[in-house]
Amino acid sequence: MIIWNGQPAIWLTLNPNDIGNPLCCKIAGVRIPINMPPKLRRYFWQIIATNDPVSVAKFFKIVVDSFIQNIVRIGDKKGSIFGPCDSFYATVEVSSRGALHLHCLIWMMGNISLKELGIKMRQDEEFSNSVISLLEQIIVQSLEIMDTNMDSGVLLLG
């Protein structure tokens, strides 16, 4: 899709909480009384989610379909919370505990390609500086783990 649509504008991971979600119980056909103590109710939600993978998969599909239809809204002229979306690509992955999650690329309508971005940055110094400033704010790389309880920022590795 990158060949046809260029660079995607958004990359996201959707990780619905299946353990402890009452919708999983409803899909599994299990009714838990509302007057049941909250701790016991959460325990039953966990038991149902971990012992009924089919219901969990159905729950995941409902959440993902709802997200794509109501949040991403591909091709909707009104746009989405991201703006007008042109297309998307998604793949499902399973975590180590067996939980399903979705990795998704979203292309925006009128998305600028990397080539066009480079041209615009070379032609417009103010635009170039704003892009560089944004990237410096959002891209962080560090092997240091700082102790948030200490003002000195003591390195905890090693």
Protein backbone atom coordinates (compact mmCIF):
# COMPACT_ATOMS: atom_id res chain seq x y z
CA MET A 1 0.00 0.00 0.00
CA ILE A 2 2.93 2.34 0.54
CA ILE A 3 3.75 2.04 -3.16
CA TRP A 4 0.24 3.24 -4.11
CA ASN A 5 -0.57 5.61 -1.24
CA GLY A 6 2.84 6.84 -0.10
CA GLN A 7 3.89 7.13 3.52
CA PRO A 8 1.06 6.48 6.02
CA ALA A 9 0.16 9.40 8.27
CA ILE A 10 -0.76 7.38 11.37
CA TRP A 11 0.53 4.18 12.93
CA LEU A 12 -1.40 2.86 15.91
CA THR A 13 -1.92 -0.21 18.03
CA LEU A 14 -5.39 -1.10 19.28
CA ASN A 15 -5.26 -3.31 22.35
CA PRO A 16 -8.78 -3.92 23.71
CA ASN A 17 -9.01 -4.99 27.34
CA ASP A 18 -10.64 -8.42 27.11
CA ILE A 19 -9.93 -9.43 30.70
CA GLY A 20 -12.37 -7.66 32.94
CA ASN A 21 -14.66 -6.46 30.19
CA PRO A 22 -18.36 -7.20 30.76
CA LEU A 23 -18.95 -7.33 26.99
CA CYS A 24 -16.89 -10.56 26.85
CA CYS A 25 -19.28 -12.12 29.39
CA LYS A 26 -22.30 -10.98 27.39
CA ILE A 27 -20.84 -12.47 24.20
CA ALA A 28 -20.07 -15.71 26.09
CA GLY A 29 -23.70 -15.81 27.25
CA VAL A 30 -22.79 -15.54 30.92
CA ARG A 31 -24.87 -13.28 33.12
CA ILE A 32 -23.20 -12.01 36.25
CA PRO A 33 -25.57 -10.44 38.78
CA ILE A 34 -25.05 -6.72 39.26
CA ASN A 35 -25.35 -7.14 43.03
CA MET A 36 -22.34 -9.49 43.11
CA PRO A 37 -19.40 -7.97 45.05
CA PRO A 38 -17.10 -6.05 42.64
CA LYS A 39 -14.01 -8.17 43.41
CA LEU A 40 -15.91 -11.39 42.73
CA ARG A 41 -17.45 -9.91 39.59
CA ARG A 42 -13.99 -8.97 38.23
CA TYR A 43 -12.76 -12.47 39.08
CA PHE A 44 -15.58 -14.03 37.03
CA TRP A 45 -14.83 -11.67 34.11
CA GLN A 46 -11.22 -12.85 34.16
CA ILE A 47 -12.18 -16.54 34.35
CA ILE A 48 -14.59 -16.21 31.44
CA ALA A 49 -12.10 -14.29 29.28
CA THR A 50 -9.26 -16.74 29.90
CA ASN A 51 -11.40 -19.86 29.41
CA ASP A 52 -13.44 -18.83 26.36
CA PRO A 53 -11.09 -17.73 23.55
CA VAL A 54 -13.90 -17.79 20.97
CA SER A 55 -15.88 -15.17 22.88
CA VAL A 56 -12.71 -13.11 23.33
CA ALA A 57 -12.08 -13.28 19.55
CA LYS A 58 -15.68 -12.20 18.88
CA PHE A 59 -15.24 -9.33 21.37
CA PHE A 60 -12.03 -8.29 19.59
CA LYS A 61 -13.76 -8.31 16.20
CA ILE A 62 -16.63 -6.17 17.52
CA VAL A 63 -14.21 -3.63 19.01
CA VAL A 64 -12.01 -3.47 15.90
CA ASP A 65 -14.95 -3.23 13.49
CA SER A 66 -16.47 -0.47 15.64
CA PHE A 67 -13.15 1.38 15.77
CA ILE A 68 -12.67 1.27 11.98
CA GLN A 69 -16.31 2.15 11.25
CA ASN A 70 -16.86 4.86 13.90
CA ILE A 71 -13.43 6.32 14.67
CA VAL A 72 -11.30 5.90 11.52
CA ARG A 73 -14.27 6.23 9.12
CA ILE A 74 -12.47 5.51 5.84
CA GLY A 75 -13.86 7.56 2.94
CA ASP A 76 -16.34 9.48 5.11
CA LYS A 77 -16.61 13.05 3.83
CA LYS A 78 -17.13 14.31 7.39
CA GLY A 79 -13.78 12.82 8.33
CA SER A 80 -12.78 11.13 11.54
CA ILE A 81 -11.11 12.21 14.75
CA PHE A 82 -7.86 12.02 12.74
CA GLY A 83 -9.25 14.03 9.83
CA PRO A 84 -10.42 12.64 6.47
CA CYS A 85 -8.95 9.11 6.11
CA ASP A 86 -8.26 7.62 2.70
CA SER A 87 -7.33 4.02 3.48
CA PHE A 88 -5.87 1.73 6.11
CA TYR A 89 -3.95 -1.50 6.50
CA ALA A 90 -4.17 -3.58 9.66
CA THR A 91 -2.80 -6.84 10.95
CA VAL A 92 -3.67 -8.79 14.08
CA GLU A 93 -1.03 -10.06 16.45
CA VAL A 94 -1.21 -12.19 19.59
CA SER A 95 0.64 -11.23 22.78
CA SER A 96 2.46 -13.69 25.00
CA ARG A 97 -0.67 -14.22 27.13
CA GLY A 98 -2.76 -14.82 24.01
CA ALA A 99 -4.43 -11.40 23.86
CA LEU A 100 -5.28 -10.14 20.39
CA HIS A 101 -4.18 -6.67 19.35
CA LEU A 102 -4.24 -4.77 16.06
CA HIS A 103 -1.43 -2.85 14.38
CA CYS A 104 -2.81 -0.34 11.90
CA LEU A 105 -1.48 2.11 9.30
CA ILE A 106 -3.81 4.92 8.24
CA TRP A 107 -3.46 7.14 5.20
CA MET A 108 -5.01 10.59 5.27
CA MET A 109 -6.64 12.22 2.25
CA GLY A 110 -4.16 14.65 0.72
CA ASN A 111 -1.28 13.14 2.70
CA ILE A 112 2.02 14.62 1.55
CA SER A 113 4.61 12.12 0.31
CA LEU A 114 8.15 12.02 1.72
CA LYS A 115 9.48 13.36 -1.59
CA GLU A 116 7.03 16.29 -1.48
CA LEU A 117 7.89 16.91 2.19
CA GLY A 118 11.60 17.12 1.32
CA ILE A 119 10.93 19.57 -1.52
CA LYS A 120 8.72 21.75 0.68
CA MET A 121 11.29 21.75 3.50
CA ARG A 122 14.05 22.85 1.08
CA GLN A 123 11.86 25.65 -0.30
CA ASP A 124 10.38 26.99 2.96
CA GLU A 125 12.81 27.55 5.84
CA GLU A 126 10.07 28.41 8.36
CA PHE A 127 8.17 25.20 7.52
CA SER A 128 11.42 23.23 7.69
CA ASN A 129 12.22 24.62 11.15
CA SER A 130 8.72 23.76 12.41
CA VAL A 131 9.02 20.15 11.15
CA ILE A 132 12.46 19.77 12.75
CA SER A 133 11.18 21.27 16.01
CA LEU A 134 8.23 18.86 16.06
CA LEU A 135 10.49 15.87 15.40
CA GLU A 136 12.88 16.93 18.16
CA GLN A 137 9.95 17.10 20.58
CA ILE A 138 8.40 13.71 19.77
CA ILE A 139 11.43 11.53 19.03
CA VAL A 140 13.32 10.53 22.15
CA GLN A 141 15.97 7.89 22.41
CA SER A 142 17.69 6.96 25.62
CA LEU A 143 19.09 3.98 27.43
CA GLU A 144 18.94 5.84 30.72
CA ILE A 145 16.20 5.06 33.20
CA MET A 146 15.69 7.99 35.51
CA ASP A 147 14.53 7.60 39.09
CA THR A 148 11.48 9.87 39.28
CA ASN A 149 11.73 10.09 43.07
CA MET A 150 15.11 11.81 42.91
CA ASP A 151 15.77 15.28 41.55
CA SER A 152 19.31 14.42 40.48
CA GLY A 153 18.28 11.98 37.76
CA VAL A 154 20.49 9.13 38.91
CA LEU A 155 21.27 6.53 36.26
CA LEU A 156 19.80 3.20 37.39
CA LEU A 157 21.37 0.97 34.72
CA GLY A 158 24.66 -0.83 35.08
